[in-house]
């Protein structure tokens, strides 16, 4: 039977159900939740060990044994009005955050916190993953926790970019550096497989593809699709289309592009010395290709790099001019996701609470705080205080919540028919 046939719901669901019926009860391993958690591919906070990539059969065998998460959700109310938000900002502010945690299952105290505080999303990293069966059960546990509390179903996000930059190291897609050489059809096929696998396992958002232009010696070397802007444009557009076809939200990043940065921006200060004309002539082109129209990505993630074309000290994820470039010049109307704001503090020198407030004021819709609990609590309290004091206008929060609600609807929606690149 072909791979596409295996992944059709009529075939996959009965196979999964038969395996689930015969399976025993899984015992999850727990873990403390106080230390920082790094995004996949980020070296901030902890090292990112990767697992083997495996063959296609190695990849698919555990998928067929995975427990397919049910489509569970709590209440999904309309975003509050500005007046309602001003009177009671707590739950609404929680909905702005994507948060991570340590551990691989129900033993973590994170799930009690998820019931008490309706976060907008949960970020899964390599530290949350053992195998596909465990991952399927973990995403179902996340949704059940929200449902028990009557909260909106959180987005479940992971950086599944390819190769060493995968949260789930033995799953698709292939490394972007390999895919880019083969052309857009290969990029589409790789992302389509990855999207279908993630959909089965209950992951609704992939922080991918990476839209950097490779520069020799730069952080995108060995990671980006290509060193040619036209090839990156084609691969990014194809990947976004494939994720749409699979019913997965893709968040293209990091805007405006990290290819020419001095180092990985998630390690520390990483200046990009290009002029605004150079950025627009190359690094921004992949983002322009998916910013508007039928090829538009549903989300774009910001960079932690510093762009001297705008400001010689402020990371893009905190910089209003970078968001204006994306919104006003490129015409992007989807959700904007911040960079890892815990990593931002290594460059900004401030606290994670200050970073969260500044990112929201600048234009971010979703605030990424991988962990641990102390950083998440600090950021949450800082944003609540800023809303109450009107440092952050209520209208700014409402507009962010509306875009997040659109993402949530997309994550539950039907797969989209997308033309395969020629």
Protein backbone atom coordinates (compact mmCIF):
# COMPACT_ATOMS: atom_id res chain seq x y z
CA UNK A 1 0.00 0.00 0.00
CA UNK A 2 1.37 3.48 -0.83
CA UNK A 3 2.30 6.08 1.79
CA UNK A 4 -0.51 8.40 0.68
CA UNK A 5 -3.00 5.54 1.05
CA UNK A 6 -1.79 4.74 4.57
CA UNK A 7 -2.28 8.32 5.60
CA UNK A 8 -5.88 8.55 4.38
CA UNK A 9 -8.26 8.79 7.37
CA UNK A 10 -10.34 5.77 6.20
CA UNK A 11 -7.26 3.58 6.37
CA UNK A 12 -5.29 5.16 9.19
CA UNK A 13 -8.02 5.44 11.79
CA UNK A 14 -9.01 1.72 11.77
CA UNK A 15 -5.36 0.71 11.95
CA UNK A 16 -4.79 3.03 14.87
CA UNK A 17 -7.93 1.86 16.66
CA UNK A 18 -6.96 -1.80 16.36
CA UNK A 19 -3.56 -1.09 17.82
CA UNK A 20 -4.98 1.06 20.59
CA UNK A 21 -7.47 -1.63 21.64
CA UNK A 22 -4.68 -4.14 22.08
CA UNK A 23 -2.32 -1.73 23.76
CA UNK A 24 -1.64 -1.53 27.48
CA UNK A 25 -1.81 1.58 29.57
CA UNK A 26 1.17 3.84 29.12
CA UNK A 27 2.89 5.13 32.22
CA UNK A 28 4.23 8.60 31.64
CA UNK A 29 7.46 9.89 33.09
CA UNK A 30 7.20 13.24 34.84
CA UNK A 31 9.80 15.87 35.58
CA UNK A 32 10.50 19.14 37.34
CA UNK A 33 9.36 22.30 35.61
CA UNK A 34 11.48 25.03 37.09
CA UNK A 35 14.51 25.13 34.75
CA UNK A 36 14.48 26.97 31.41
CA UNK A 37 13.39 24.93 28.40
CA UNK A 38 14.96 25.68 25.05
CA UNK A 39 13.20 25.59 21.68
CA UNK A 40 14.29 22.85 19.31
CA UNK A 41 17.32 24.06 17.42
CA UNK A 42 18.10 26.67 20.07
CA UNK A 43 21.17 26.42 22.26
CA UNK A 44 19.78 28.76 24.90
CA UNK A 45 19.17 27.25 28.32
CA UNK A 46 20.10 23.65 27.50
CA UNK A 47 21.79 21.62 24.81
CA UNK A 48 19.64 20.19 22.04
CA UNK A 49 20.53 16.57 21.51
CA UNK A 50 19.18 15.09 18.30
CA UNK A 51 18.13 11.59 17.47
CA UNK A 52 18.70 9.61 14.31
CA UNK A 53 16.65 10.47 11.26
CA UNK A 54 15.88 6.92 10.24
CA UNK A 55 14.49 5.63 6.97
CA UNK A 56 10.95 6.17 5.70
CA UNK A 57 9.89 2.76 7.01
CA UNK A 58 11.50 3.51 10.37
CA UNK A 59 9.55 6.76 10.47
CA UNK A 60 6.19 5.29 9.49
CA UNK A 61 6.25 2.15 11.64
CA UNK A 62 5.75 3.97 14.96
CA UNK A 63 3.18 6.31 13.39
CA UNK A 64 0.89 3.40 12.68
CA UNK A 65 1.18 2.39 16.33
CA UNK A 66 0.50 5.86 17.69
CA UNK A 67 -2.64 6.79 19.56
CA UNK A 68 -4.49 9.32 17.42
CA UNK A 69 -5.59 12.19 19.68
CA UNK A 70 -9.29 12.95 19.66
CA UNK A 71 -10.44 16.39 18.59
CA UNK A 72 -11.12 17.70 22.08
CA UNK A 73 -11.69 21.26 23.09
CA UNK A 74 -13.10 23.32 25.88
CA UNK A 75 -15.20 26.40 25.36
CA UNK A 76 -13.96 28.72 22.62
CA UNK A 77 -15.47 32.13 23.37
CA UNK A 78 -15.17 35.25 21.24
CA UNK A 79 -12.23 37.50 22.19
CA UNK A 80 -13.33 40.00 24.86
CA UNK A 81 -14.13 43.60 24.08
CA UNK A 82 -11.70 46.30 25.17
CA UNK A 83 -14.01 47.19 28.09
CA UNK A 84 -14.25 43.56 29.24
CA UNK A 85 -10.51 43.17 28.96
CA UNK A 86 -9.88 46.27 31.05
CA UNK A 87 -12.07 44.93 33.86
CA UNK A 88 -10.61 41.42 33.95
CA UNK A 89 -7.45 40.86 31.86
CA UNK A 90 -6.15 37.67 33.50
CA UNK A 91 -7.52 34.86 31.32
CA UNK A 92 -7.28 36.94 28.16
CA UNK A 93 -3.61 37.69 28.79
CA UNK A 94 -2.87 34.00 29.39
CA UNK A 95 -4.25 33.34 25.90
CA UNK A 96 -1.38 35.37 24.42
CA UNK A 97 1.30 32.93 25.57
CA UNK A 98 2.83 29.79 24.09
CA UNK A 99 4.60 28.04 26.95
CA UNK A 100 6.79 24.98 27.34
CA UNK A 101 7.41 22.56 30.18
CA UNK A 102 9.75 19.81 31.28
CA UNK A 103 8.60 16.20 31.22
CA UNK A 104 6.99 13.71 28.87
CA UNK A 105 3.57 13.08 30.30
CA UNK A 106 0.86 13.46 32.89
CA UNK A 107 3.28 13.30 35.82
CA UNK A 108 4.29 16.92 35.25
CA UNK A 109 2.68 19.59 37.42
CA UNK A 110 2.32 21.65 34.25
CA UNK A 111 -1.13 20.20 33.53
CA UNK A 112 -2.61 21.56 36.75
CA UNK A 113 -1.26 24.97 35.76
CA UNK A 114 -2.73 24.58 32.27
CA UNK A 115 -6.15 24.05 33.83
CA UNK A 116 -5.76 27.05 36.11
CA UNK A 117 -4.39 29.39 33.44
CA UNK A 118 -5.77 29.10 29.87
CA UNK A 119 -2.58 29.54 27.88
CA UNK A 120 -2.96 30.09 24.16
CA UNK A 121 -0.52 27.36 23.21
CA UNK A 122 1.91 24.73 24.41
CA UNK A 123 5.39 24.39 22.92
CA UNK A 124 6.82 20.88 22.70
CA UNK A 125 10.57 20.32 22.34
CA UNK A 126 12.91 17.35 22.09
CA UNK A 127 12.80 17.05 25.87
CA UNK A 128 9.07 16.27 25.69
CA UNK A 129 9.48 13.46 23.17
CA UNK A 130 10.30 9.77 23.33
CA UNK A 131 8.35 8.19 20.47
CA UNK A 132 5.17 8.68 18.49
CA UNK A 133 2.93 6.72 20.85
CA UNK A 134 4.07 8.82 23.80
CA UNK A 135 3.67 12.04 21.78
CA UNK A 136 0.12 11.19 20.71
CA UNK A 137 -0.86 10.54 24.31
CA UNK A 138 0.88 13.72 25.47
CA UNK A 139 -1.01 15.97 23.05
CA UNK A 140 -4.27 14.29 24.05
CA UNK A 141 -3.45 14.92 27.73
CA UNK A 142 -2.87 18.60 26.93
CA UNK A 143 -6.29 18.93 25.30
CA UNK A 144 -8.03 16.99 28.07
CA UNK A 145 -6.57 19.34 30.69
CA UNK A 146 -7.99 22.33 28.83
CA UNK A 147 -11.36 20.62 28.37
CA UNK A 148 -11.65 19.73 32.07
CA UNK A 149 -11.28 23.40 32.94
CA UNK A 150 -13.62 24.57 30.16
CA UNK A 151 -10.75 26.45 28.51
CA UNK A 152 -10.18 26.94 24.78
CA UNK A 153 -8.14 24.15 23.25
CA UNK A 154 -4.54 25.37 23.19
CA UNK A 155 -2.48 25.34 20.04
CA UNK A 156 0.19 22.63 20.23
CA UNK A 157 3.39 23.86 18.60
CA UNK A 158 6.80 22.40 17.83
CA UNK A 159 9.79 23.38 15.77
CA UNK A 160 9.79 20.57 13.22
CA UNK A 161 12.00 22.24 10.67
CA UNK A 162 14.07 19.32 9.45
CA UNK A 163 17.10 17.26 10.46
CA UNK A 164 18.93 18.54 13.53
CA UNK A 165 16.32 21.28 13.92
CA UNK A 166 13.46 18.91 14.66
CA UNK A 167 11.81 18.67 18.05
CA UNK A 168 10.94 15.08 17.15
CA UNK A 169 14.23 13.91 15.71
CA UNK A 170 13.16 10.68 13.99
CA UNK A 171 10.21 12.17 12.10
CA UNK A 172 9.86 14.09 8.82
CA UNK A 173 10.71 16.49 7.26
CA UNK A 174 14.14 15.97 5.78
CA UNK A 175 16.89 18.55 6.46
CA UNK A 176 16.13 21.74 4.55
CA UNK A 177 19.68 21.90 3.19
CA UNK A 178 19.03 18.60 1.38
CA UNK A 179 15.50 19.41 0.29
CA UNK A 180 16.42 22.79 -1.19
CA UNK A 181 18.83 21.23 -3.68
CA UNK A 182 16.10 18.99 -5.10
CA UNK A 183 13.58 21.70 -5.95
CA UNK A 184 10.08 22.79 -4.87
CA UNK A 185 8.36 19.48 -5.63
CA UNK A 186 10.65 17.73 -3.14
CA UNK A 187 10.12 20.52 -0.62
CA UNK A 188 6.36 20.09 -1.01
CA UNK A 189 6.52 16.31 -0.58
CA UNK A 190 8.77 16.53 2.49
CA UNK A 191 6.56 19.12 4.21
CA UNK A 192 3.36 17.27 3.25
CA UNK A 193 4.59 14.09 4.91
CA UNK A 194 5.69 16.04 7.99
CA UNK A 195 2.34 17.84 8.18
CA UNK A 196 0.28 14.66 7.92
CA UNK A 197 2.35 12.97 10.63
CA UNK A 198 2.06 15.98 12.95
CA UNK A 199 -1.71 16.15 12.33
CA UNK A 200 -2.13 12.51 13.34
CA UNK A 201 -0.10 13.09 16.50
CA UNK A 202 -2.06 16.15 17.63
CA UNK A 203 0.54 18.85 16.86
CA UNK A 204 -1.25 21.79 15.24
CA UNK A 205 1.54 24.35 14.65
CA UNK A 206 4.99 23.81 13.18
CA UNK A 207 7.54 26.59 13.62
CA UNK A 208 8.74 26.00 10.08
CA UNK A 209 9.92 26.37 7.42
CA UNK A 210 13.09 28.35 8.06
CA UNK A 211 13.23 31.10 5.42
CA UNK A 212 16.87 32.16 5.86
CA UNK A 213 19.25 32.71 2.96
CA UNK A 214 22.42 30.71 3.59
CA UNK A 215 25.61 32.74 4.07
CA UNK A 216 29.01 31.06 4.43
CA UNK A 217 29.94 30.96 8.11
CA UNK A 218 26.54 32.25 9.21
CA UNK A 219 23.98 30.56 11.48
CA UNK A 220 21.94 29.35 8.50
CA UNK A 221 24.82 27.43 6.91
CA UNK A 222 23.82 23.78 6.72
CA UNK A 223 20.30 24.73 7.81
CA UNK A 224 18.72 26.91 5.10
CA UNK A 225 17.21 25.65 1.85
CA UNK A 226 19.80 27.44 -0.26
CA UNK A 227 22.16 30.39 -0.64
CA UNK A 228 20.08 31.59 -3.60
CA UNK A 229 17.06 33.75 -2.73
CA UNK A 230 15.02 32.43 -5.67
CA UNK A 231 15.48 28.82 -4.53
CA UNK A 232 14.56 29.69 -0.96
CA UNK A 233 11.46 31.52 -2.18
CA UNK A 234 10.32 28.46 -4.15
CA UNK A 235 10.99 26.03 -1.29
CA UNK A 236 9.30 28.21 1.35
CA UNK A 237 6.23 28.76 -0.83
CA UNK A 238 6.01 25.03 -1.56
CA UNK A 239 6.41 24.10 2.11
CA UNK A 240 3.71 26.49 3.27
CA UNK A 241 1.37 25.11 0.62
CA UNK A 242 2.10 21.55 1.72
CA UNK A 243 1.37 22.32 5.37
CA UNK A 244 -1.92 23.91 4.34
CA UNK A 245 -2.77 20.77 2.39
CA UNK A 246 -2.03 18.69 5.48
CA UNK A 247 -4.17 20.90 7.73
CA UNK A 248 -1.21 22.20 9.75
CA UNK A 249 -0.40 25.82 10.66
CA UNK A 250 3.08 26.77 9.49
CA UNK A 251 4.90 29.68 11.12
CA UNK A 252 7.61 30.86 8.73
CA UNK A 253 10.63 32.46 10.37
CA UNK A 254 12.72 34.10 11.54
CA UNK A 255 11.75 37.53 10.17
CA UNK A 256 13.49 39.54 8.72
CA UNK A 257 16.00 36.68 8.23
CA UNK A 258 19.00 35.47 10.24
CA UNK A 259 21.24 34.29 7.39
CA UNK A 260 23.72 37.16 7.66
CA UNK A 261 23.73 37.29 11.49
CA UNK A 262 27.08 37.05 13.27
CA UNK A 263 25.93 34.01 15.25
CA UNK A 264 22.80 32.12 16.33
CA UNK A 265 20.61 34.90 17.81
CA UNK A 266 19.32 32.50 20.47
CA UNK A 267 22.82 32.31 21.96
CA UNK A 268 23.42 36.03 22.37
CA UNK A 269 23.68 39.35 20.56
CA UNK A 270 23.73 38.66 16.80
CA UNK A 271 23.99 41.79 14.64
CA UNK A 272 22.97 41.74 10.98
CA UNK A 273 24.93 44.45 9.16
CA UNK A 274 22.87 44.59 5.96
CA UNK A 275 21.21 47.77 4.77
CA UNK A 276 17.45 47.93 4.41
CA UNK A 277 17.87 47.72 0.62
CA UNK A 278 19.98 44.55 0.99
CA UNK A 279 17.45 42.99 3.36
CA UNK A 280 14.56 43.75 1.04
CA UNK A 281 16.50 42.58 -1.99
CA UNK A 282 17.28 39.14 -0.59
CA UNK A 283 16.52 38.11 3.01
CA UNK A 284 12.93 39.38 3.05
CA UNK A 285 11.98 37.91 -0.34
CA UNK A 286 10.91 34.49 1.04
CA UNK A 287 8.68 36.26 3.56
CA UNK A 288 7.23 38.54 0.89
CA UNK A 289 6.32 35.43 -1.11
CA UNK A 290 4.09 34.11 1.69
CA UNK A 291 2.93 37.36 3.30
CA UNK A 292 -0.27 37.89 1.31
CA UNK A 293 -2.59 36.41 -1.28
CA UNK A 294 -3.38 32.74 -1.85
CA UNK A 295 0.15 31.69 -0.86
CA UNK A 296 0.02 33.51 2.49
CA UNK A 297 1.28 31.71 5.56
CA UNK A 298 -1.05 31.75 8.57
CA UNK A 299 1.78 32.82 10.91
CA UNK A 300 5.28 34.30 10.84
CA UNK A 301 7.80 34.15 13.68
CA UNK A 302 10.14 37.01 14.54
CA UNK A 303 13.93 36.92 14.91
CA UNK A 304 16.08 37.56 17.97
CA UNK A 305 18.82 39.12 15.81
CA UNK A 306 19.71 42.84 15.82
CA UNK A 307 19.31 44.65 12.49
CA UNK A 308 21.46 47.75 12.13
CA UNK A 309 19.20 48.89 9.28
CA UNK A 310 16.60 49.56 11.96
CA UNK A 311 18.27 49.80 15.36
CA UNK A 312 21.77 48.84 16.50
CA UNK A 313 20.72 47.45 19.88
CA UNK A 314 17.16 46.06 19.89
CA UNK A 315 16.29 42.48 18.82
CA UNK A 316 13.76 42.43 15.98
CA UNK A 317 11.21 40.62 18.16
CA UNK A 318 11.01 43.77 20.33
CA UNK A 319 11.29 46.33 17.54
CA UNK A 320 8.13 48.11 16.28
CA UNK A 321 9.80 49.00 12.96
CA UNK A 322 10.31 45.31 12.14
CA UNK A 323 6.61 44.60 12.71
CA UNK A 324 5.65 47.63 10.60
CA UNK A 325 7.80 46.26 7.79
CA UNK A 326 5.91 43.00 7.95
CA UNK A 327 2.42 44.47 8.37
CA UNK A 328 2.56 47.68 6.34
CA UNK A 329 5.09 47.00 3.58
CA UNK A 330 4.57 43.26 3.03
CA UNK A 331 0.86 43.33 3.86
CA UNK A 332 0.88 40.40 6.28
CA UNK A 333 -2.43 40.02 8.15
CA UNK A 334 -1.87 36.69 9.92
CA UNK A 335 -0.57 36.02 13.41
CA UNK A 336 2.93 37.14 14.38
CA UNK A 337 4.76 34.93 16.86
CA UNK A 338 7.59 36.30 18.97
CA UNK A 339 11.03 34.75 19.14
CA UNK A 340 11.98 32.79 22.27
CA UNK A 341 11.65 35.66 24.75
CA UNK A 342 13.74 33.91 27.37
CA UNK A 343 16.59 33.91 24.84
CA UNK A 344 15.81 37.55 23.99
CA UNK A 345 16.98 38.60 27.43
CA UNK A 346 20.54 37.46 26.63
CA UNK A 347 20.64 40.32 24.10
CA UNK A 348 18.26 42.87 25.60
CA UNK A 349 19.73 42.62 29.10
CA UNK A 350 16.27 43.03 30.63
CA UNK A 351 13.90 40.59 32.29
CA UNK A 352 11.63 38.17 30.51
CA UNK A 353 8.67 40.16 31.83
CA UNK A 354 10.00 43.30 30.20
CA UNK A 355 10.62 41.40 26.98
CA UNK A 356 7.03 40.10 26.93
CA UNK A 357 5.58 43.57 27.43
CA UNK A 358 7.82 45.13 24.78
CA UNK A 359 7.13 42.38 22.24
CA UNK A 360 3.37 42.78 22.65
CA UNK A 361 3.61 46.55 22.38
CA UNK A 362 5.76 46.22 19.27
CA UNK A 363 3.21 44.01 17.50
CA UNK A 364 3.57 40.36 18.51
CA UNK A 365 0.35 38.37 18.85
CA UNK A 366 1.73 35.22 20.51
CA UNK A 367 4.49 35.41 23.12
CA UNK A 368 6.85 32.41 23.31
CA UNK A 369 8.16 31.57 26.80
CA UNK A 370 9.52 28.00 26.63
CA UNK A 371 10.11 27.90 30.38
CA UNK A 372 10.49 27.33 33.17
CA UNK A 373 7.61 28.18 35.40
CA UNK A 374 9.26 31.19 37.06
CA UNK A 375 9.87 32.91 33.73
CA UNK A 376 6.32 32.18 32.56
CA UNK A 377 4.77 33.52 35.76
CA UNK A 378 6.92 36.64 35.59
CA UNK A 379 6.01 37.34 31.98
CA UNK A 380 2.30 36.74 32.63
CA UNK A 381 2.24 39.06 35.65
CA UNK A 382 4.15 41.76 33.75
CA UNK A 383 1.70 41.75 30.85
CA UNK A 384 -1.35 41.74 33.16
CA UNK A 385 0.10 44.74 35.02
CA UNK A 386 0.83 46.56 31.76
CA UNK A 387 -2.74 46.02 30.54
CA UNK A 388 -4.21 47.19 33.82
CA UNK A 389 -2.05 50.33 33.80
CA UNK A 390 -2.91 50.90 30.12
CA UNK A 391 0.76 50.80 29.16
CA UNK A 392 -0.52 48.20 26.70
CA UNK A 393 -3.80 49.40 25.16
CA UNK A 394 -6.67 46.96 25.49
CA UNK A 395 -7.22 47.19 21.74
CA UNK A 396 -3.71 45.79 21.13
CA UNK A 397 -4.56 42.69 23.19
CA UNK A 398 -7.95 42.26 21.54
CA UNK A 399 -6.44 42.37 18.05
CA UNK A 400 -3.86 39.75 19.06
CA UNK A 401 -6.55 37.49 20.53
CA UNK A 402 -8.59 37.74 17.33
CA UNK A 403 -5.65 36.54 15.25
CA UNK A 404 -5.02 33.73 17.72
CA UNK A 405 -8.68 32.73 17.50
CA UNK A 406 -8.27 32.55 13.72
CA UNK A 407 -5.30 30.21 14.15
CA UNK A 408 -7.34 28.04 16.48
CA UNK A 409 -10.12 27.80 13.91
CA UNK A 410 -7.59 26.92 11.21
CA UNK A 411 -6.12 24.20 13.41
CA UNK A 412 -9.55 22.55 13.56
CA UNK A 413 -10.44 23.18 9.94
CA UNK A 414 -10.45 20.86 6.96
CA UNK A 415 -7.37 20.25 4.85
CA UNK A 416 -6.95 22.72 2.03
CA UNK A 417 -6.57 21.75 -1.63
CA UNK A 418 -3.21 23.11 -2.77
CA UNK A 419 -1.60 22.80 -6.18
CA UNK A 420 1.62 20.76 -6.19
CA UNK A 421 4.58 22.78 -7.56
CA UNK A 422 5.72 21.82 -11.04
